Protein backbone atom coordinates (compact mmCIF):
# COMPACT_ATOMS: atom_id res chain seq x y z
CA MET A 1 0.04 -0.06 -0.02
CA ALA A 2 2.74 2.64 1.04
CA SER A 3 4.82 1.43 -2.01
CA LEU A 4 1.97 2.43 -4.33
CA ARG A 5 1.00 5.68 -2.68
CA LYS A 6 4.46 7.26 -2.32
CA PRO A 7 5.29 7.26 -6.10
CA LEU A 8 1.77 8.72 -7.04
CA LEU A 9 2.28 11.41 -4.40
CA VAL A 10 5.58 12.32 -5.94
CA VAL A 11 4.12 12.51 -9.37
CA LEU A 12 1.21 14.67 -8.10
CA GLU A 13 3.59 16.96 -6.42
CA VAL A 14 5.65 17.43 -9.58
CA LEU A 15 2.45 18.10 -11.64
CA LEU A 16 1.33 20.71 -9.07
CA ILE A 17 4.60 22.49 -9.27
CA LEU A 18 4.27 22.41 -13.21
CA LEU A 19 0.88 23.89 -12.74
CA ILE A 20 2.13 26.70 -10.55
CA ALA A 21 5.11 27.42 -12.81
CA THR A 22 3.11 27.29 -16.14
CA PRO A 23 2.66 30.76 -17.22
CA ALA A 24 -0.79 32.29 -17.53
CA PHE A 25 -1.12 33.07 -21.29
CA SER A 26 -2.46 36.57 -21.81
CA LEU A 27 -2.39 37.36 -25.54
CA SER A 28 -5.25 39.80 -26.24
CA ILE A 29 -6.49 42.44 -28.55
CA PHE A 30 -5.27 45.95 -27.63
CA SER A 31 -7.01 47.84 -30.48
CA GLU A 32 -8.99 46.80 -33.67
CA GLY A 33 -10.86 48.40 -36.44
CA MET A 34 -8.01 48.71 -39.07
CA SER A 35 -7.29 47.01 -42.34
CA VAL A 36 -3.42 46.21 -42.63
CA PRO A 37 -1.73 48.00 -39.72
CA GLU A 38 1.96 48.30 -40.09
CA THR A 39 4.80 49.84 -38.19
CA ILE A 40 3.93 51.02 -34.47
CA SER A 41 5.47 54.21 -33.13
CA LYS A 42 4.99 56.08 -29.84
CA ALA A 43 4.36 59.72 -29.97
CA PRO A 44 6.57 62.03 -27.92
CA SER A 45 4.99 63.67 -24.98
CA ASP A 46 5.02 67.15 -26.69
CA PHE A 47 3.27 66.02 -29.78
CA GLY A 48 0.12 68.18 -29.13
CA ALA A 49 -2.93 66.42 -27.71
CA TYR A 50 -1.74 63.06 -28.94
CA GLY A 51 1.59 62.75 -26.88
CA GLY A 52 2.11 59.14 -25.75
CA GLN A 53 -0.25 57.73 -28.19
CA TYR A 54 0.65 54.92 -30.75
CA PHE A 55 0.65 55.91 -34.47
CA VAL A 56 0.37 53.21 -37.05
CA PRO A 57 0.37 53.54 -40.84
CA ASP A 58 -2.32 51.44 -42.58
CA PRO A 59 -1.71 51.05 -46.50
CA ASN A 60 -5.29 49.74 -46.79
CA PRO A 61 -4.66 47.84 -49.97
CA THR A 62 -8.39 47.33 -50.84
CA GLY A 63 -9.34 51.04 -50.13
CA ASP A 64 -8.57 54.39 -52.02
CA LYS A 65 -6.25 55.77 -49.73
CA SER A 66 -3.62 54.88 -46.84
CA THR A 67 -4.53 55.83 -43.33
CA ILE A 68 -2.57 56.87 -40.40
CA TRP A 69 -4.21 55.76 -37.06
CA ARG A 70 -3.61 57.00 -33.62
CA ILE A 71 -4.27 54.66 -30.67
CA ASP A 72 -4.50 55.94 -27.06
CA PRO A 73 -3.11 53.91 -24.08
CA GLN A 74 -6.50 52.30 -23.50
CA GLY A 75 -6.66 50.94 -27.10
CA GLU A 76 -9.19 53.38 -28.49
CA GLN A 77 -8.20 54.13 -32.16
CA ALA A 78 -9.10 57.06 -34.52
CA GLN A 79 -7.95 58.35 -37.82
CA PHE A 80 -5.00 60.89 -37.47
CA SER A 81 -4.63 61.61 -41.12
CA ASP A 82 -4.53 59.98 -44.58
CA ASN A 83 -2.43 60.06 -47.77
CA SER A 84 -4.69 59.60 -50.86
CA ASP A 85 -1.84 59.10 -53.23
CA TYR A 86 0.98 56.88 -51.59
CA PHE A 87 0.73 53.47 -50.45
CA THR A 88 2.06 54.21 -46.91
CA VAL A 89 3.73 51.34 -44.96
CA GLY A 90 6.35 52.43 -42.48
CA GLY A 91 6.57 55.41 -40.05
CA LEU A 92 8.52 56.89 -37.13
CA PHE A 93 8.88 60.12 -35.01
CA LEU A 94 11.84 62.26 -35.92
CA PRO A 95 14.29 62.96 -33.11
CA GLU A 96 15.80 66.38 -32.20
CA GLY A 97 18.37 67.47 -34.70
CA TRP A 98 16.16 67.47 -37.63
CA GLY A 99 15.49 71.02 -37.94
CA ASP A 100 11.81 72.18 -38.50
CA LEU A 101 10.73 68.53 -38.72
CA SER A 102 12.01 67.50 -35.23
CA GLY A 103 9.26 65.58 -33.61
CA TYR A 104 7.21 65.20 -36.72
CA PHE A 105 5.65 61.91 -37.64
CA LEU A 106 7.35 60.66 -40.80
CA THR A 107 6.09 58.01 -43.21
CA VAL A 108 7.46 56.14 -46.17
CA GLY A 109 5.82 54.51 -49.23
CA TRP A 110 5.29 54.71 -52.98
CA GLU A 111 2.94 55.74 -55.68
CA ARG A 112 2.37 54.37 -59.09
CA LYS A 113 3.46 56.28 -62.05
CA GLU A 114 0.85 57.36 -64.48
CA THR A 115 3.21 56.86 -67.48
CA ASP A 116 4.76 53.49 -67.39
CA GLY A 117 3.37 51.59 -64.49
CA GLY A 118 6.42 51.99 -62.28
CA THR A 119 6.48 53.39 -58.83
CA VAL A 120 7.98 56.43 -57.10
CA GLY A 121 9.10 56.55 -53.47
CA GLY A 122 7.74 59.03 -51.22
CA ILE A 123 8.67 60.21 -47.77
CA PHE A 124 6.23 62.57 -45.93
CA ALA A 125 6.11 64.39 -42.47
CA TYR A 126 3.13 65.00 -40.46
CA ASP A 127 2.61 67.73 -37.84
CA GLN A 128 0.53 67.71 -34.66
CA ASN A 129 -2.61 68.58 -36.63
CA GLY A 130 -2.18 65.75 -39.22
CA GLU A 131 -1.18 68.15 -41.86
CA ASN A 132 1.60 66.40 -44.06
CA GLN A 133 4.31 67.84 -46.36
CA GLN A 134 6.38 66.13 -48.97
CA PHE A 135 9.80 65.54 -47.65
CA VAL A 136 11.62 63.55 -50.20
CA ILE A 137 10.52 61.95 -53.60
CA ILE A 138 12.67 59.29 -54.93
CA ASP A 139 12.15 58.73 -58.67
CA ASP A 140 15.50 57.87 -59.99
CA TYR A 141 14.57 54.03 -60.75
CA ASP A 142 11.79 52.45 -62.52
CA TYR A 143 10.46 50.88 -59.36
CA VAL A 144 10.80 52.02 -55.73
CA GLY A 145 8.90 50.52 -52.78
CA LEU A 146 9.94 52.13 -49.63
CA THR A 147 8.83 50.01 -46.52
CA THR A 148 10.59 50.80 -43.16
CA PRO A 149 12.36 53.88 -41.92
CA GLU A 150 14.87 53.93 -38.95
CA ILE A 151 17.24 56.45 -37.42
CA ILE A 152 20.77 55.37 -37.59
CA PRO A 153 22.40 55.19 -34.13
CA ARG A 154 25.71 56.68 -33.08
CA GLY A 155 28.88 54.59 -34.29
CA PHE A 156 27.46 53.87 -37.80
CA GLY A 157 30.23 55.78 -39.54
CA ASP A 158 29.28 58.98 -41.25
CA TYR A 159 25.52 58.10 -41.27
CA GLU A 160 24.63 58.37 -37.55
CA GLY A 161 21.61 60.46 -36.97
CA MET A 162 20.30 60.06 -40.50
CA LEU A 163 17.28 58.18 -41.78
CA ALA A 164 17.77 54.83 -43.22
CA VAL A 165 14.90 53.30 -45.34
CA THR A 166 14.61 49.90 -46.97
CA ASP A 167 13.35 49.70 -50.58
CA GLN A 168 11.84 46.37 -51.70
CA GLN A 169 13.43 46.68 -54.91
CA GLY A 170 16.77 45.64 -53.33
CA ARG A 171 18.27 49.04 -52.12
CA ILE A 172 18.96 50.82 -48.78
CA PHE A 173 18.69 54.50 -48.90
CA VAL A 174 19.95 57.17 -46.38
CA VAL A 175 18.48 60.58 -46.08
CA ASN A 176 19.82 63.37 -44.12
CA PRO A 177 17.80 66.36 -42.34
CA ASN A 178 18.15 68.30 -45.45
CA GLY A 179 16.28 65.77 -47.69
CA ASN A 180 19.64 64.72 -49.40
CA VAL A 181 19.36 60.97 -50.45
CA GLN A 182 22.21 58.51 -50.63
CA THR A 183 21.96 54.91 -51.99
CA ILE A 184 24.24 52.96 -49.80
CA VAL A 185 23.28 49.56 -51.14
CA GLU A 186 22.41 49.48 -54.77
CA THR A 187 21.50 45.79 -55.14
CA MET A 188 20.79 43.12 -52.31
CA PRO A 189 20.05 39.45 -53.00
CA ILE A 190 16.77 40.05 -51.19
CA HIS A 191 13.79 42.37 -51.15
CA PRO A 192 14.51 44.57 -48.12
CA PHE A 193 11.54 45.12 -45.81
CA GLY A 194 12.24 45.20 -41.97
CA LEU A 195 15.01 47.30 -40.48
CA ALA A 196 16.58 47.32 -37.00
CA PHE A 197 20.08 48.07 -35.51
CA ALA A 198 21.72 45.66 -33.05
CA PRO A 199 22.37 46.77 -29.51
CA THR A 200 25.77 46.44 -27.84
CA GLY A 201 25.14 42.99 -26.21
CA PHE A 202 24.04 41.20 -29.43
CA GLY A 203 27.13 39.18 -30.13
CA ASP A 204 29.57 40.68 -32.48
CA PHE A 205 26.91 42.66 -34.24
CA ASN A 206 26.97 45.88 -32.23
CA GLY A 207 25.49 48.70 -34.20
CA LYS A 208 25.02 46.70 -37.43
CA MET A 209 21.96 47.26 -39.44
CA PHE A 210 19.73 44.08 -39.84
CA ILE A 211 17.51 43.84 -42.90
CA SER A 212 14.68 41.33 -43.47
CA ASP A 213 13.42 39.78 -46.73
CA GLY A 214 9.98 40.82 -47.54
CA TRP A 215 9.67 38.14 -50.28
CA GLY A 216 11.68 35.28 -48.68
CA ASN A 217 13.13 34.06 -45.39
CA GLN A 218 16.73 35.62 -45.14
CA ILE A 219 18.11 38.23 -42.85
CA TYR A 220 21.21 40.12 -43.72
CA THR A 221 23.51 42.50 -41.78
CA LEU A 222 25.09 45.82 -43.13
CA ASP A 223 28.07 47.52 -41.46
CA GLN A 224 29.08 51.09 -41.84
CA ASP A 225 31.48 50.40 -44.64
CA GLY A 226 28.78 48.73 -46.73
CA ASN A 227 29.76 45.29 -46.16
CA LEU A 228 26.64 42.82 -46.50
CA SER A 229 26.75 39.48 -44.81
CA LEU A 230 23.95 36.83 -44.55
CA PHE A 231 22.91 36.54 -40.83
CA THR A 232 20.45 33.66 -40.96
CA ILE A 233 17.79 31.80 -42.98
CA VAL A 234 14.72 31.48 -41.04
CA PRO A 235 12.59 28.26 -41.69
CA LEU A 236 9.10 29.04 -42.86
CA LEU A 237 6.26 26.71 -42.11
CA PRO A 238 3.41 25.95 -44.62
CA GLY A 239 1.10 28.84 -45.02
CA GLN A 240 3.77 31.50 -44.13
CA TRP A 241 4.83 33.99 -46.81
CA SER A 242 8.00 35.86 -45.85
CA LEU A 243 9.60 38.01 -43.24
CA ARG A 244 8.36 41.60 -42.15
CA GLN A 245 9.38 43.98 -39.44
CA MET A 246 11.92 43.34 -36.78
CA ALA A 247 12.78 44.80 -33.36
CA PHE A 248 15.38 44.08 -30.70
CA ALA A 249 13.79 43.16 -27.43
CA PRO A 250 14.75 44.91 -24.09
CA THR A 251 17.72 42.94 -22.44
CA ASN A 252 16.47 39.57 -20.58
CA PHE A 253 12.86 40.00 -22.09
CA LEU A 254 12.59 36.19 -22.38
CA SER A 255 14.53 35.39 -19.22
CA ASN A 256 11.37 33.67 -17.82
CA LEU A 257 12.14 30.96 -20.56
CA GLY A 258 15.65 30.66 -19.53
CA ILE A 259 16.91 32.78 -22.42
CA PRO A 260 19.02 35.68 -21.18
CA GLY A 261 20.37 38.55 -22.98
CA ASP A 262 19.26 40.26 -26.15
CA LEU A 263 17.18 38.89 -28.79
CA LEU A 264 16.04 39.98 -32.19
CA PHE A 265 12.19 39.53 -32.88
CA VAL A 266 10.83 39.19 -36.36
CA SER A 267 7.36 38.93 -37.64
CA VAL A 268 6.58 36.15 -40.16
CA SER A 269 3.74 37.06 -42.54
CA GLY A 270 0.85 34.67 -43.33
CA SER A 271 0.11 36.50 -46.69
CA TYR A 272 1.36 39.10 -49.13
CA ARG A 273 -1.01 41.75 -48.53
CA GLY A 274 -2.77 41.04 -45.15
CA GLY A 275 -5.65 38.65 -43.98
CA GLY A 276 -3.43 35.64 -43.59
CA THR A 277 -3.99 33.06 -40.87
CA LEU A 278 -0.71 31.23 -40.15
CA GLY A 279 1.82 33.99 -39.21
CA ASP A 280 4.16 34.05 -36.20
CA VAL A 281 6.64 36.08 -34.20
CA LEU A 282 9.88 34.57 -33.67
CA ALA A 283 12.73 35.39 -31.31
CA LEU A 284 16.24 34.77 -32.67
CA ASP A 285 19.44 34.76 -30.66
CA GLU A 286 22.92 36.19 -31.76
CA THR A 287 23.62 32.90 -33.84
CA GLY A 288 20.44 33.25 -35.84
CA LYS A 289 18.71 30.36 -34.23
CA VAL A 290 14.97 30.54 -33.59
CA VAL A 291 14.77 30.21 -29.65
CA ALA A 292 11.22 31.10 -29.12
CA SER A 293 7.83 31.70 -30.89
CA LEU A 294 4.60 33.35 -29.96
CA ARG A 295 1.91 31.15 -28.67
CA VAL A 296 -1.21 32.10 -30.50
CA LEU A 297 -4.46 31.39 -28.50
CA ASP A 298 -6.81 28.87 -30.04
CA ASP A 299 -9.55 31.45 -30.35
CA LEU A 300 -7.43 33.86 -32.39
CA GLU A 301 -8.59 32.48 -35.65
CA LYS A 302 -6.08 34.18 -37.76
CA PHE A 303 -2.80 35.99 -37.39
CA ASP A 304 -0.67 37.83 -39.91
CA PRO A 305 1.91 39.98 -38.02
CA ARG A 306 3.70 43.10 -39.15
CA GLY A 307 4.91 45.86 -36.88
CA LEU A 308 6.45 45.09 -33.51
CA TYR A 309 6.86 47.72 -30.66
CA PHE A 310 8.08 47.01 -26.91
CA THR A 311 6.46 49.18 -24.44
CA ASP A 312 7.98 50.58 -21.40
CA ASP A 313 5.90 48.32 -19.08
CA GLY A 314 7.10 44.95 -20.59
CA HIS A 315 4.49 44.27 -23.18
CA LEU A 316 4.83 43.77 -26.98
CA LEU A 317 2.41 45.33 -29.38
CA ILE A 318 2.00 43.47 -32.68
CA SER A 319 0.21 44.86 -35.67
CA ASP A 320 -1.85 42.00 -37.04
CA ALA A 321 -2.51 42.48 -40.81
CA SER A 322 -5.79 40.40 -40.25
CA ASP A 323 -6.94 43.58 -38.58
CA PRO A 324 -6.07 44.17 -34.73
CA ILE A 325 -3.12 45.33 -32.72
CA ILE A 326 -2.34 42.44 -30.33
CA ILE A 327 -0.79 42.82 -26.91
CA ALA A 328 1.61 40.16 -25.54
CA LYS A 329 3.92 39.57 -22.65
CA SER A 330 6.90 37.42 -22.34
CA ASP A 331 4.82 34.71 -20.82
CA ASP A 332 3.14 34.35 -24.20
CA PHE A 333 6.17 32.89 -25.99
CA VAL A 334 7.35 29.27 -25.84
CA LEU A 335 10.53 27.73 -26.54
CA GLY A 336 11.21 26.93 -30.25
CA ARG A 337 8.47 26.71 -32.86
CA ASN A 338 6.10 24.04 -31.64
CA ALA A 339 3.94 26.52 -29.57
CA ASN A 340 0.89 24.65 -29.71
CA VAL A 341 2.00 21.45 -28.17
CA VAL A 342 2.59 23.16 -24.84
CA PRO A 343 -0.18 21.83 -22.50
CA GLU A 344 -2.62 24.31 -20.95
CA PRO A 345 -2.66 25.10 -17.29
CA THR A 346 -6.15 23.45 -17.28
CA THR A 347 -4.79 20.41 -18.78
CA TRP A 348 -2.32 20.06 -16.08
CA LEU A 349 -5.14 20.52 -13.54
CA LEU A 350 -7.25 17.91 -15.05
CA VAL A 351 -4.25 15.51 -14.89
CA GLY A 352 -3.57 16.44 -11.33
CA VAL A 353 -7.27 16.05 -10.28
CA GLY A 354 -7.28 12.63 -11.95
CA LEU A 355 -4.16 11.48 -10.07
CA VAL A 356 -5.61 12.78 -6.87
CA GLY A 357 -8.60 10.32 -7.45
CA LEU A 358 -6.21 7.54 -8.29
CA ILE A 359 -4.52 8.11 -4.94
CA GLY A 360 -7.83 8.23 -3.25
CA LEU A 361 -8.72 5.00 -4.86
CA GLY A 362 -5.46 3.41 -3.75
CA LYS A 363 -6.07 4.44 -0.25
CA LYS A 364 -9.58 2.91 -0.19
CA LYS A 365 -8.42 -0.29 -1.86
CA PHE A 366 -5.40 -1.03 0.19
CA SER A 367 -6.38 0.41 3.67
């Protein structure tokens, strides 16, 4: 009798520990009512009545104009402005040092030419009232598809403080506050989409530019001297289209999973233009290995992620091109790619209750 009860009690104790230790997944909708939300940027506190709100460009591929949404801290969204001509994808707030445009919201995108069907790249700046002004037009090529802007950090050669912009046609542009444009990469083996700069602790990649493939699954790095290197090839699962935006997480964001240090997060799209169902958000370490993925809840019927933004309170906002903005925590990630095989806390509870019953039955039978 004692020999049977003791092993069962040990198993039950282990399961109860797992139940307590198993994270409470909290993936939820932060805001909704958009078409294909892309990058997420937080407005500076002095941006008029909208300081501290989140700004999200929406190219709205099925509509007649692109929209810029603003979302307050409670998740309520409203239209801030629009652009009836340009297919607008990426945006950010300009820092100090950009003259009269300091603090403005900047967007990048493209417009189709009326003459030959090509495209022209456009960069616009929006003031606190939603009024935009044309900042830069890039029409030196047959096709230009601007997607993601990023301010170049200190240490990146002569380009620090300037604006880097990816072009899906294989180029990387750099723009200074005067609107002068340089092409620092003319031809890439990928279609550049996402853009991020590595922090100090990310292996040997301190300050390097990371560029994702909008039509495939590769990530490249670029140094201040213009040297390109393949960082990794991300395995795509059936139903996944390509890579999109990227962001480096705060240090130790996934320490709860036993993954310390800095990680690169990348969104994996489930479609070309939004509305996909099988997208993912992956965390990569400094070797390019996928170490964690987002656990999408069963009741989230479709998921097609784009923009990523880490908030000051430890959350991750994710633009979902199936419509909403998702809010997640580190507890919503699991190790590796097989997120859906992790047992639910309720599953552990049912197993534990069953074992309690077995132990009770054992006591009754052998007492």
